[in-house]
Protein backbone atom coordinates (compact mmCIF):
# COMPACT_ATOMS: atom_id res chain seq x y z
CA UNK A 1 99.16 75.29 92.27
CA UNK A 2 98.39 72.98 89.42
CA UNK A 3 99.39 73.96 86.01
CA UNK A 4 95.84 73.35 84.48
CA UNK A 5 94.22 76.11 86.95
CA UNK A 6 92.26 78.97 85.79
CA UNK A 7 93.03 82.51 86.73
CA UNK A 8 96.06 84.54 87.12
CA UNK A 9 98.70 84.25 89.83
CA UNK A 10 99.70 87.04 91.94
CA UNK A 11 102.81 87.03 93.97
CA UNK A 12 103.13 88.18 97.56
CA UNK A 13 102.34 91.89 97.73
CA UNK A 14 101.05 92.36 94.24
CA UNK A 15 97.92 94.62 94.23
CA UNK A 16 94.96 93.06 92.52
CA UNK A 17 92.61 96.04 92.87
CA UNK A 18 93.29 99.45 94.20
CA UNK A 19 90.97 101.66 96.38
CA UNK A 20 89.48 104.46 94.35
CA UNK A 21 89.88 102.88 90.95
CA UNK A 22 86.80 102.18 88.69
CA UNK A 23 85.68 98.55 88.73
CA UNK A 24 83.73 96.43 86.39
CA UNK A 25 84.63 92.87 87.55
CA UNK A 26 84.51 90.83 90.68
CA UNK A 27 87.26 88.22 91.66
CA UNK A 28 87.19 84.70 93.00
CA UNK A 29 90.01 83.27 95.01
CA UNK A 30 90.92 79.90 93.58
CA UNK A 31 93.99 79.28 95.64
CA UNK A 32 95.87 81.34 98.30
CA UNK A 33 95.00 84.32 100.49
CA UNK A 34 94.52 88.03 99.99
CA UNK A 35 94.40 91.00 102.38
CA UNK A 36 91.79 93.68 102.11
CA UNK A 37 92.94 97.06 103.23
CA UNK A 38 91.47 100.56 103.38
CA UNK A 39 93.34 103.71 103.54
CA UNK A 40 92.08 106.91 105.25
CA UNK A 41 94.10 110.02 106.00
CA UNK A 42 97.47 108.37 105.61
CA UNK A 43 96.46 105.56 107.79
CA UNK A 44 96.03 101.89 106.39
CA UNK A 45 93.78 99.31 108.08
CA UNK A 46 93.42 95.61 107.23
CA UNK A 47 89.72 94.92 106.93
CA UNK A 48 89.83 91.29 106.10
CA UNK A 49 91.94 88.17 105.05
CA UNK A 50 90.08 86.06 102.30
CA UNK A 51 91.01 82.61 101.28
CA UNK A 52 89.90 80.03 98.65
CA UNK A 53 86.46 80.15 97.41
CA UNK A 54 85.97 83.78 98.65
CA UNK A 55 85.01 86.71 96.35
CA UNK A 56 85.76 90.15 96.43
CA UNK A 57 85.09 93.24 94.18
CA UNK A 58 81.46 92.26 93.87
CA UNK A 59 80.10 95.70 94.58
CA UNK A 60 81.24 97.15 91.15
CA UNK A 61 78.95 94.59 89.42
CA UNK A 62 75.91 96.38 90.90
CA UNK A 63 76.59 100.01 90.15
CA UNK A 64 79.24 102.54 88.89
CA UNK A 65 81.35 102.13 91.71
CA UNK A 66 84.90 102.94 92.70
CA UNK A 67 86.80 100.23 94.64
CA UNK A 68 86.16 100.79 98.29
CA UNK A 69 89.44 99.00 99.24
CA UNK A 70 92.80 97.70 97.93
CA UNK A 71 93.24 94.02 97.70
CA UNK A 72 96.78 92.48 97.75
CA UNK A 73 98.20 88.94 97.61
CA UNK A 74 99.34 87.29 100.74
CA UNK A 75 101.93 84.82 99.31
CA UNK A 76 101.05 83.41 95.82
CA UNK A 77 97.28 83.73 95.08
CA UNK A 78 95.58 82.36 92.04
CA UNK A 79 92.54 84.71 91.28
CA UNK A 80 89.83 84.42 88.73
CA UNK A 81 88.45 87.64 87.19
CA UNK A 82 84.78 87.72 86.35
CA UNK A 83 83.89 90.50 84.23
CA UNK A 84 80.31 92.15 84.79
CA UNK A 85 78.98 91.20 81.43
CA UNK A 86 79.97 87.50 82.00
CA UNK A 87 78.38 87.75 85.35
CA UNK A 88 75.21 89.09 84.18
CA UNK A 89 75.06 86.27 81.36
CA UNK A 90 75.81 83.56 84.15
CA UNK A 91 73.14 84.93 86.46
CA UNK A 92 70.45 84.50 83.53
CA UNK A 93 71.47 80.80 83.34
CA UNK A 94 71.82 80.14 87.10
CA UNK A 95 69.85 82.47 89.51
CA UNK A 96 71.50 80.82 92.58
CA UNK A 97 74.88 82.59 91.39
CA UNK A 98 73.29 86.03 92.44
CA UNK A 99 71.84 84.72 95.50
CA UNK A 100 75.24 83.56 96.49
CA UNK A 101 76.77 86.87 95.83
CA UNK A 102 73.93 88.58 97.82
CA UNK A 103 74.59 86.27 100.63
CA UNK A 104 78.20 87.29 100.90
CA UNK A 105 77.33 90.87 100.41
CA UNK A 106 74.67 90.71 103.38
CA UNK A 107 77.20 88.80 105.58
CA UNK A 108 79.73 91.55 105.08
CA UNK A 109 77.11 94.30 105.79
CA UNK A 110 75.87 92.49 108.99
CA UNK A 111 79.58 92.08 110.11
CA UNK A 112 80.45 95.65 109.55
CA UNK A 113 77.22 96.81 111.24
CA UNK A 114 78.25 94.73 114.25
CA UNK A 115 81.71 96.28 114.40
CA UNK A 116 80.32 99.86 114.16
CA UNK A 117 77.88 99.12 116.93
CA UNK A 118 81.00 98.06 119.16
CA UNK A 119 82.93 101.13 118.30
CA UNK A 120 79.93 103.44 119.26
CA UNK A 121 79.16 101.69 122.44
CA UNK A 122 81.46 102.70 125.41
CA UNK A 123 82.68 99.72 127.45
């Protein structure tokens, strides 16, 4: 990772956001990978592995939401934090930014719906 890069470097296993915590920012992966995990009744399930250019935590920008999952670094990962007020200011300057975030959210929702359909259908 270059010295001039923006963002904060998280080491392998470091928690970036924790399920249940209040959120007011989204995150952009500048370099490296993260895993998204969700815990329920003592069981932790990996939902996704995200890499360079991916975003996470975006739901907190559109409501008073608690984090729906925990995100941890897989190896070293450089992450840029985008606070809600900065995001809102930026979308006033560039509406395509909001569109790209909504595209990501839509793709994740479609993927989740497909997975739920498979779980409900007997083989």
